[in-house]
Amino acid sequence: MTLRPTVAIHTLGCKLNQAESEKLARELSLAGYGFAQGNAADIHILNTCSVTHIADRKSRHMVRILRSKNPQAFIIVTGCYAESAGQDLVDCGADWVVDNRYKMSLPDEITSKIKGLLNYKHKGDALSSTERVRSFIKIQDGCQNFCSYCIVPYVRPNVFSLDANEVIMEIREKVAAGYAEVVLTGTEIGAYIDKGLKLSGLVQRILEETDIKRLHLSSLQPQSVSPQLLGLWNDNRLSRHFHLALQSGSDSVLKRMRRKYNTAQYKKTVDRILDIMPDASITTDIIVGFPGESDAEFLESYNFCENTGFAAMHVFVYSARPGTLAAQMPGKVGEKLKKERSLQMLELAAHIADNFAGRFIGQTRDVLWENETGRGSGICTGLTDNYIRTYAKSGVNIIGKIMKARLIDWAEDVKGLPLRASTRGNHGELWGEVLR
């Protein structure tokens, strides 16, 4: 019997890309394709990101690596960088560049595109051995906000929301397959609307009509956090984590960024969440070195972040995206100064993460256990209901289960725990004891 070639999917960037890659894997598996780990696959699909110049560079580097490791492989590149600079990827060794709008048609197109590969031997289905822990589900796509620094509206211009019934059905399938958590993702999930049903209505339906054990919402705009949405958090299946992209704590910079809020409005949203859930983690994104950012504006942003009550911050150095309004703005910040400001923000981010996690030492929280830190290590890692990275030893298999753990110490103070960086690379991460 002729067997389909094997596939490997590589994902860079956001949770939306992860959700799309997960769906591609499922569709390809149903179509009879096998999956191979690492470089051994016949077909490689790279789902790229283009949010910064570093993301672009990673995409090009990945194509070159795949081509050098497996010269005979058929390399397909899709995603946002494929949309904005497809020829660059061809020059790096890609065989086929697919725009975002055709990404989800790949399972139907691959066979006809590469008929010559159909005689390859099946190398095993990696999906069958993958732990069923967390699934990313796309509910929305596209953006028309045109923030001055952002390329996303140019590479994902078509705004649409998925049918609520389809979302419910997909979550039920995930539950039946054994997944413990679903993450709702999209370009701007707060803009979700299907036949008048907004995000709060969709979340309510999911809670009422599925048995998912944990439901997590990906990034939200502060203006999307309505009282109706927050009112649903009396159901403890909702993850007590909110990612609210700030980008700058300076009102004048926010105005140049063309964001749809100011710091007072943002802080009001944070306070509203913490009034209802004092134990909630609120994480954010910060850009340093935006065009025209003065010392005073950077200090405003730093102080706002320090005093807002974040649990974690992701710090980005401004990267000019060709075709965006900000790329043409005067007052470019020098690379040396951008690096200095980034280091200051990263130091603050580490301090903030430790402060938040330290509040919970001695408490008991629900943890979804994801995997072992190393094969046979006996040390498992997972996330609490309020998004604290936790480690614990376990003599039995707890992967994919939500179990209570007592948080007892800082992770890096525990003998035998493999650190992810040589110096405090795991700020805000705790050691726990699984309770049975």
Protein backbone atom coordinates (compact mmCIF):
# COMPACT_ATOMS: atom_id res chain seq x y z
CA MET A 1 0.00 0.00 0.00
CA THR A 2 1.30 3.45 -0.87
CA LEU A 3 1.68 5.57 2.25
CA ARG A 4 1.66 9.32 2.54
CA PRO A 5 4.96 11.12 3.25
CA THR A 6 5.78 12.24 6.77
CA VAL A 7 5.32 15.81 7.95
CA ALA A 8 6.90 18.02 10.61
CA ILE A 9 5.31 21.33 11.59
CA HIS A 10 7.46 24.10 13.08
CA THR A 11 5.78 27.11 14.69
CA LEU A 12 7.18 30.55 15.45
CA GLY A 13 5.37 33.41 17.13
CA CYS A 14 1.99 33.87 18.72
CA LYS A 15 -0.67 31.59 20.17
CA LEU A 16 -2.76 32.10 17.04
CA ASN A 17 0.02 30.51 15.00
CA GLN A 18 0.13 27.66 17.52
CA ALA A 19 -3.62 27.15 17.17
CA GLU A 20 -3.39 27.11 13.38
CA SER A 21 -0.45 24.70 13.43
CA GLU A 22 -2.34 22.40 15.78
CA LYS A 23 -5.32 22.37 13.45
CA LEU A 24 -3.08 21.71 10.44
CA ALA A 25 -1.54 18.75 12.25
CA ARG A 26 -4.95 17.32 13.02
CA GLU A 27 -6.18 17.75 9.41
CA LEU A 28 -3.01 16.20 7.98
CA SER A 29 -3.24 13.28 10.38
CA LEU A 30 -6.85 12.64 9.33
CA ALA A 31 -5.71 12.77 5.69
CA GLY A 32 -3.29 9.93 6.39
CA TYR A 33 0.01 11.76 6.77
CA GLY A 34 2.48 10.48 9.33
CA PHE A 35 4.52 12.74 11.58
CA ALA A 36 8.26 12.67 12.16
CA GLN A 37 10.32 14.43 14.79
CA GLY A 38 13.15 16.85 14.11
CA ASN A 39 14.65 16.93 10.62
CA ALA A 40 13.59 13.45 9.52
CA ALA A 41 10.31 14.44 7.83
CA ASP A 42 9.68 14.39 4.09
CA ILE A 43 7.69 17.62 4.28
CA HIS A 44 8.42 20.52 6.62
CA ILE A 45 5.80 23.21 7.23
CA LEU A 46 7.13 26.37 8.88
CA ASN A 47 4.50 28.73 10.31
CA THR A 48 6.32 32.06 10.60
CA CYS A 49 6.05 35.29 12.56
CA SER A 50 6.98 38.81 11.45
CA VAL A 51 6.20 40.96 14.48
CA THR A 52 9.85 42.09 14.79
CA HIS A 53 13.02 41.96 12.70
CA ILE A 54 14.24 39.23 15.06
CA ALA A 55 11.18 37.13 14.19
CA ASP A 56 11.99 37.63 10.50
CA ARG A 57 15.57 36.53 11.10
CA LYS A 58 14.45 33.43 13.01
CA SER A 59 12.20 32.46 10.09
CA ARG A 60 15.00 32.79 7.55
CA HIS A 61 17.39 30.90 9.83
CA MET A 62 14.91 28.07 10.32
CA VAL A 63 14.49 27.60 6.56
CA ARG A 64 18.25 27.47 6.07
CA ILE A 65 18.64 24.93 8.90
CA LEU A 66 15.86 22.71 7.53
CA ARG A 67 17.36 22.83 4.05
CA SER A 68 20.90 22.03 5.25
CA LYS A 69 19.76 19.18 7.54
CA ASN A 70 17.49 17.57 4.96
CA PRO A 71 18.31 18.67 1.40
CA GLN A 72 15.70 16.34 -0.12
CA ALA A 73 12.79 17.59 2.00
CA PHE A 74 9.94 19.66 0.59
CA ILE A 75 9.82 22.89 2.63
CA ILE A 76 6.55 24.84 2.84
CA VAL A 77 6.57 28.24 4.53
CA THR A 78 3.45 30.09 5.61
CA GLY A 79 2.47 32.67 8.24
CA CYS A 80 3.01 36.39 8.55
CA TYR A 81 6.58 36.57 7.24
CA ALA A 82 5.56 34.50 4.25
CA GLU A 83 2.85 37.08 3.62
CA SER A 84 5.20 40.08 3.81
CA ALA A 85 8.46 38.76 2.32
CA GLY A 86 7.90 35.47 0.52
CA GLN A 87 10.82 35.88 -1.89
CA ASP A 88 13.25 36.13 1.04
CA LEU A 89 12.15 32.68 2.15
CA VAL A 90 12.49 31.22 -1.34
CA ASP A 91 16.02 32.64 -1.45
CA CYS A 92 16.74 30.82 1.84
CA GLY A 93 15.62 27.47 0.43
CA ALA A 94 11.83 27.27 0.71
CA ASP A 95 10.08 25.26 -2.03
CA TRP A 96 6.61 26.74 -1.58
CA VAL A 97 5.47 29.95 0.11
CA VAL A 98 1.80 30.08 1.12
CA ASP A 99 -0.05 33.26 2.12
CA ASN A 100 -1.93 33.39 5.42
CA ARG A 101 -5.29 33.32 3.68
CA TYR A 102 -4.46 29.92 2.13
CA LYS A 103 -2.73 28.44 5.17
CA MET A 104 -5.64 26.32 6.35
CA SER A 105 -6.11 24.87 2.85
CA LEU A 106 -2.70 23.20 2.98
CA PRO A 107 -4.00 19.71 3.89
CA ASP A 108 -6.07 19.68 0.67
CA GLU A 109 -3.31 21.15 -1.49
CA ILE A 110 -0.21 19.26 -0.41
CA THR A 111 -0.97 15.96 -2.14
CA SER A 112 -1.56 17.50 -5.56
CA LYS A 113 1.41 19.83 -5.16
CA ILE A 114 3.94 17.09 -4.33
CA LYS A 115 2.67 13.90 -5.94
CA GLY A 116 6.21 12.64 -6.30
CA LEU A 117 6.57 12.24 -2.57
CA LEU A 118 3.76 9.75 -2.18
CA ASN A 119 6.03 6.72 -2.34
CA TYR A 120 7.94 7.63 0.81
CA LYS A 121 7.63 5.24 3.73
CA HIS A 122 5.54 6.13 6.72
CA LYS A 123 7.80 6.99 9.68
CA GLY A 124 5.30 6.97 12.51
CA ASP A 125 2.61 9.25 13.84
CA ALA A 126 4.00 11.56 16.48
CA LEU A 127 0.52 12.73 17.37
CA SER A 128 -0.33 9.43 18.95
CA SER A 129 2.42 9.81 21.53
CA THR A 130 1.87 13.48 22.31
CA GLU A 131 0.53 14.24 25.79
CA ARG A 132 -2.95 15.69 25.61
CA VAL A 133 -2.60 18.68 27.93
CA ARG A 134 -3.37 22.04 26.32
CA SER A 135 -5.00 22.87 23.00
CA PHE A 136 -5.06 26.25 21.27
CA ILE A 137 -8.31 27.00 19.46
CA LYS A 138 -8.65 29.83 16.99
CA ILE A 139 -11.88 31.79 17.39
CA GLN A 140 -11.06 34.97 15.45
CA ASP A 141 -8.61 36.33 12.90
CA GLY A 142 -7.65 39.64 11.36
CA CYS A 143 -7.12 43.18 12.59
CA GLN A 144 -7.97 46.64 11.25
CA ASN A 145 -6.63 48.72 14.16
CA PHE A 146 -3.46 49.81 12.35
CA CYS A 147 -1.38 50.64 15.39
CA SER A 148 1.49 52.66 13.97
CA TYR A 149 4.21 50.08 14.73
CA CYS A 150 2.35 46.89 13.80
CA ILE A 151 2.50 44.86 10.60
CA VAL A 152 -0.34 42.50 11.55
CA PRO A 153 -3.16 44.43 9.76
CA TYR A 154 -1.14 44.15 6.55
CA VAL A 155 -0.51 40.40 6.81
CA ARG A 156 -3.82 39.42 8.43
CA PRO A 157 -6.22 41.97 6.91
CA ASN A 158 -9.35 39.83 6.69
CA VAL A 159 -11.33 40.16 9.93
CA PHE A 160 -13.68 37.32 10.79
CA SER A 161 -14.95 35.28 13.74
CA LEU A 162 -15.54 31.55 13.71
CA ASP A 163 -19.04 30.16 14.14
CA ALA A 164 -19.76 29.65 17.84
CA ASN A 165 -21.24 26.21 17.22
CA GLU A 166 -18.02 25.14 15.48
CA VAL A 167 -15.96 26.40 18.43
CA ILE A 168 -18.16 24.47 20.87
CA MET A 169 -17.88 21.32 18.75
CA GLU A 170 -14.09 21.62 18.54
CA ILE A 171 -13.79 22.02 22.31
CA ARG A 172 -15.98 18.96 22.87
CA GLU A 173 -13.65 17.03 20.56
CA LYS A 174 -10.67 18.20 22.59
CA VAL A 175 -12.34 17.12 25.83
CA ALA A 176 -13.12 13.71 24.32
CA ALA A 177 -9.48 13.41 23.23
CA GLY A 178 -8.35 14.01 26.81
CA TYR A 179 -7.18 17.62 26.74
CA ALA A 180 -7.43 19.37 30.11
CA GLU A 181 -7.16 22.98 28.94
CA VAL A 182 -8.29 25.00 25.95
CA VAL A 183 -6.82 28.41 25.10
CA LEU A 184 -9.04 30.67 23.00
CA THR A 185 -6.85 32.62 20.62
CA GLY A 186 -7.00 34.98 17.67
CA THR A 187 -5.51 38.20 16.40
CA GLU A 188 -7.89 40.19 18.63
CA ILE A 189 -10.24 37.87 20.48
CA GLY A 190 -11.96 40.78 22.21
CA ALA A 191 -13.42 41.68 18.79
CA TYR A 192 -15.11 38.27 18.50
CA ILE A 193 -18.71 38.44 17.30
CA ASP A 194 -20.83 35.74 15.66
CA LYS A 195 -24.44 36.57 14.80
CA GLY A 196 -24.49 39.11 17.62
CA LEU A 197 -22.76 36.80 20.13
CA LYS A 198 -19.74 38.55 21.60
CA LEU A 199 -16.76 37.08 23.46
CA SER A 200 -18.53 37.04 26.82
CA GLY A 201 -21.43 35.14 25.30
CA LEU A 202 -19.11 32.63 23.65
CA VAL A 203 -17.24 32.01 26.92
CA GLN A 204 -20.54 31.54 28.75
CA ARG A 205 -21.68 29.00 26.17
CA ILE A 206 -18.39 27.10 26.44
CA LEU A 207 -18.71 26.90 30.21
CA GLU A 208 -22.33 25.78 29.98
CA GLU A 209 -22.05 23.38 27.04
CA THR A 210 -18.67 21.68 27.46
CA ASP A 211 -16.83 19.82 30.20
CA ILE A 212 -13.45 21.46 29.64
CA LYS A 213 -11.52 21.49 32.90
CA ARG A 214 -9.69 24.77 32.33
CA LEU A 215 -10.50 27.58 29.90
CA HIS A 216 -7.87 30.21 29.17
CA LEU A 217 -8.25 33.44 27.19
CA SER A 218 -5.22 34.66 25.27
CA SER A 219 -4.25 38.31 24.87
CA LEU A 220 -6.97 40.92 25.36
CA GLN A 221 -7.10 44.65 24.75
CA PRO A 222 -7.94 46.52 27.97
CA GLN A 223 -11.07 47.99 26.41
CA SER A 224 -12.34 44.45 25.74
CA VAL A 225 -12.50 43.49 29.42
CA SER A 226 -16.16 44.27 30.03
CA PRO A 227 -18.09 43.81 33.28
CA GLN A 228 -20.11 41.10 31.49
CA LEU A 229 -16.92 39.19 30.67
CA LEU A 230 -15.45 39.53 34.17
CA GLY A 231 -18.73 38.38 35.68
CA LEU A 232 -18.05 34.89 34.29
CA TRP A 233 -15.02 34.35 36.54
CA ASN A 234 -17.18 32.96 39.32
CA ASP A 235 -16.61 29.68 37.45
CA ASN A 236 -13.25 28.38 38.68
CA ARG A 237 -12.61 26.62 35.37
CA LEU A 238 -11.59 30.01 33.93
CA SER A 239 -7.86 30.62 34.24
CA ARG A 240 -7.14 33.56 36.53
CA HIS A 241 -4.63 35.01 34.11
CA PHE A 242 -5.12 38.05 31.90
CA HIS A 243 -2.62 39.16 29.28
CA LEU A 244 -3.26 42.84 28.54
CA ALA A 245 -0.80 44.33 26.05
CA LEU A 246 0.23 47.79 27.32
CA GLN A 247 3.13 48.61 24.92
CA SER A 248 4.00 51.84 26.75
CA GLY A 249 3.23 53.47 30.07
CA SER A 250 3.55 56.95 28.58
CA ASP A 251 0.40 58.60 27.23
CA SER A 252 2.29 60.58 24.60
CA VAL A 253 3.96 57.40 23.28
CA LEU A 254 0.64 55.55 23.30
CA LYS A 255 -0.81 58.35 21.20
CA ARG A 256 2.01 58.04 18.65
CA MET A 257 1.48 54.28 18.67
CA ARG A 258 -2.22 54.89 17.86
CA ARG A 259 -3.36 52.69 20.72
CA LYS A 260 -7.04 53.04 21.67
CA TYR A 261 -6.56 53.77 25.38
CA ASN A 262 -4.47 55.88 27.72
CA THR A 263 -2.74 54.85 30.94
CA ALA A 264 -5.68 55.91 33.12
CA GLN A 265 -8.09 53.72 31.15
CA TYR A 266 -5.63 50.83 31.22
CA LYS A 267 -5.13 51.13 34.98
CA LYS A 268 -8.89 51.19 35.48
CA THR A 269 -9.16 47.83 33.73
CA VAL A 270 -6.36 46.35 35.85
CA ASP A 271 -7.97 47.62 39.05
CA ARG A 272 -11.35 46.22 38.00
CA ILE A 273 -9.83 42.76 37.55
CA LEU A 274 -7.88 42.84 40.82
CA ASP A 275 -10.89 44.11 42.77
CA ILE A 276 -12.74 40.95 41.75
CA MET A 277 -9.73 38.58 41.81
CA PRO A 278 -6.86 39.82 43.98
CA ASP A 279 -4.95 36.62 43.16
CA ALA A 280 -5.20 37.06 39.37
CA SER A 281 -2.02 37.40 37.36
CA ILE A 282 -1.93 40.24 34.86
CA THR A 283 0.87 40.07 32.32
CA THR A 284 1.77 42.54 29.62
CA ASP A 285 3.96 43.49 26.66
CA ILE A 286 6.21 46.57 26.69
CA ILE A 287 8.05 48.19 23.78
CA VAL A 288 11.13 50.30 24.50
CA GLY A 289 12.81 52.64 22.05
CA PHE A 290 9.73 53.64 20.08
CA PRO A 291 10.49 56.56 17.71
CA GLY A 292 10.73 59.79 19.65
CA GLU A 293 10.74 58.10 23.08
CA SER A 294 12.44 60.62 25.33
CA ASP A 295 14.14 59.93 28.65
CA ALA A 296 11.09 61.40 30.39
CA GLU A 297 8.67 59.20 28.44
CA PHE A 298 10.73 56.09 29.16
CA LEU A 299 10.71 56.96 32.86
CA GLU A 300 6.92 57.42 32.72
CA SER A 301 6.59 53.96 31.18
CA TYR A 302 8.98 52.41 33.72
CA ASN A 303 7.15 53.95 36.67
CA PHE A 304 3.75 52.93 35.36
CA CYS A 305 4.88 49.32 34.97
CA GLU A 306 6.45 49.33 38.43
CA ASN A 307 3.25 50.55 40.09
CA THR A 308 0.50 48.76 38.16
CA GLY A 309 0.57 45.32 39.77
CA PHE A 310 1.79 43.14 36.92
CA ALA A 311 2.75 39.50 37.45
CA ALA A 312 5.09 39.40 34.45
CA MET A 313 6.25 41.59 31.58
CA HIS A 314 7.48 40.69 28.10
CA VAL A 315 9.94 43.36 26.98
CA PHE A 316 10.49 44.10 23.28
CA VAL A 317 12.92 46.49 21.64
CA TYR A 318 11.16 48.54 18.96
CA SER A 319 11.67 47.05 15.51
CA ALA A 320 10.71 49.09 12.46
CA ARG A 321 8.30 47.19 10.21
CA PRO A 322 8.44 48.31 6.56
CA GLY A 323 5.20 49.91 5.43
CA THR A 324 4.02 50.93 8.89
CA LEU A 325 3.52 54.53 9.96
CA ALA A 326 6.10 54.32 12.75
CA ALA A 327 8.82 53.25 10.32
CA GLN A 328 8.60 56.75 8.80
CA MET A 329 8.52 58.63 12.10
CA PRO A 330 11.38 60.96 13.04
CA GLY A 331 13.34 60.68 16.28
CA LYS A 332 14.78 57.19 15.90
CA VAL A 333 16.25 55.96 19.20
CA GLY A 334 19.83 54.72 18.95
CA GLU A 335 20.59 51.02 19.34
CA LYS A 336 22.79 51.57 22.40
CA LEU A 337 20.08 53.51 24.21
CA LYS A 338 17.42 50.98 23.23
CA LYS A 339 19.55 48.22 24.70
CA GLU A 340 20.08 50.15 27.94
CA ARG A 341 16.36 50.77 28.31
CA SER A 342 15.60 47.14 27.52
CA LEU A 343 17.97 45.96 30.24
CA GLN A 344 16.34 48.29 32.75
CA MET A 345 12.88 47.01 31.86
CA LEU A 346 14.05 43.39 31.98
CA GLU A 347 15.46 43.94 35.46
CA LEU A 348 12.13 45.42 36.53
CA ALA A 349 10.30 42.48 34.90
CA ALA A 350 12.37 40.01 36.96
CA HIS A 351 11.64 41.93 40.16
CA ILE A 352 7.92 42.06 39.36
CA ALA A 353 7.75 38.33 38.61
CA ASP A 354 9.44 37.46 41.90
CA ASN A 355 7.18 39.79 43.87
CA PHE A 356 4.05 38.24 42.41
CA ALA A 357 5.05 34.59 42.78
CA GLY A 358 6.46 35.19 46.27
CA ARG A 359 2.99 36.17 47.50
CA PHE A 360 1.83 32.59 46.99
CA ILE A 361 4.58 30.64 48.75
CA GLY A 362 2.83 28.55 51.40
CA GLN A 363 -0.48 28.52 49.53
CA THR A 364 -2.17 25.62 47.75
CA ARG A 365 -3.17 26.09 44.10
CA ASP A 366 -4.55 23.95 41.28
CA VAL A 367 -1.77 23.07 38.81
CA LEU A 368 -2.14 21.64 35.32
CA TRP A 369 0.93 19.41 34.97
CA GLU A 370 2.36 19.63 31.45
CA ASN A 371 5.51 17.53 31.14
CA GLU A 372 8.74 16.35 32.71
CA THR A 373 11.73 18.70 32.73
CA GLY A 374 13.74 15.83 31.27
CA ARG A 375 12.99 12.25 30.36
CA GLY A 376 13.07 10.16 33.53
CA SER A 377 13.85 13.16 35.75
CA GLY A 378 10.75 12.62 37.88
CA ILE A 379 10.41 16.41 38.05
CA CYS A 380 7.18 17.69 36.49
CA THR A 381 6.33 21.23 35.52
CA GLY A 382 2.99 22.97 35.07
CA LEU A 383 1.04 26.18 35.54
CA THR A 384 -1.16 27.13 38.46
CA ASP A 385 -4.66 28.47 37.85
CA ASN A 386 -3.13 31.97 38.05
CA TYR A 387 -0.22 31.18 35.72
CA ILE A 388 2.71 30.59 38.06
CA ARG A 389 5.27 28.15 36.65
CA THR A 390 5.57 25.34 39.19
CA TYR A 391 7.84 22.28 39.55
CA ALA A 392 7.35 19.18 41.68
CA LYS A 393 8.66 15.63 42.04
CA SER A 394 6.18 12.86 41.41
CA GLY A 395 6.58 9.11 41.49
CA VAL A 396 3.48 8.58 39.37
CA ASN A 397 2.32 10.02 36.06
CA ILE A 398 0.48 13.29 36.66
CA ILE A 399 0.94 14.79 33.17
CA GLY A 400 -2.30 16.18 31.78
CA LYS A 401 -3.98 16.27 35.18
CA ILE A 402 -5.07 19.23 37.28
CA MET A 403 -3.96 18.52 40.83
CA LYS A 404 -3.48 20.64 43.90
CA ALA A 405 0.04 21.53 44.94
CA ARG A 406 1.42 23.37 47.93
CA LEU A 407 3.87 26.05 46.77
CA ILE A 408 6.83 25.79 49.12
CA ASP A 409 9.98 27.44 47.76
CA TRP A 410 11.72 29.22 44.90
CA ALA A 411 12.43 26.85 42.04
CA GLU A 412 16.11 27.71 41.72
CA ASP A 413 16.75 26.93 45.40
CA VAL A 414 15.81 23.28 44.96
CA LYS A 415 18.73 20.89 44.56
CA GLY A 416 18.61 18.89 41.35
CA LEU A 417 16.23 21.16 39.43
CA PRO A 418 17.68 21.89 35.97
CA LEU A 419 17.70 25.66 35.49
CA ARG A 420 16.84 27.12 32.10
CA ALA A 421 19.48 29.82 32.39
CA SER A 422 22.69 30.21 34.34
CA THR A 423 21.62 33.21 36.39
CA ARG A 424 18.05 33.56 37.59
CA GLY A 425 16.61 32.55 34.28
CA ASN A 426 13.38 31.39 35.89
CA HIS A 427 12.15 34.41 37.84
CA GLY A 428 8.79 33.94 39.47
CA GLU A 429 8.91 30.13 39.29
CA LEU A 430 8.19 27.97 42.33
CA TRP A 431 8.77 24.50 43.71
CA GLY A 432 5.66 22.68 44.87
CA GLU A 433 4.50 19.53 46.58
CA VAL A 434 1.73 17.57 44.84
CA LEU A 435 -1.16 16.83 47.17
CA ARG A 436 -3.16 13.67 46.67
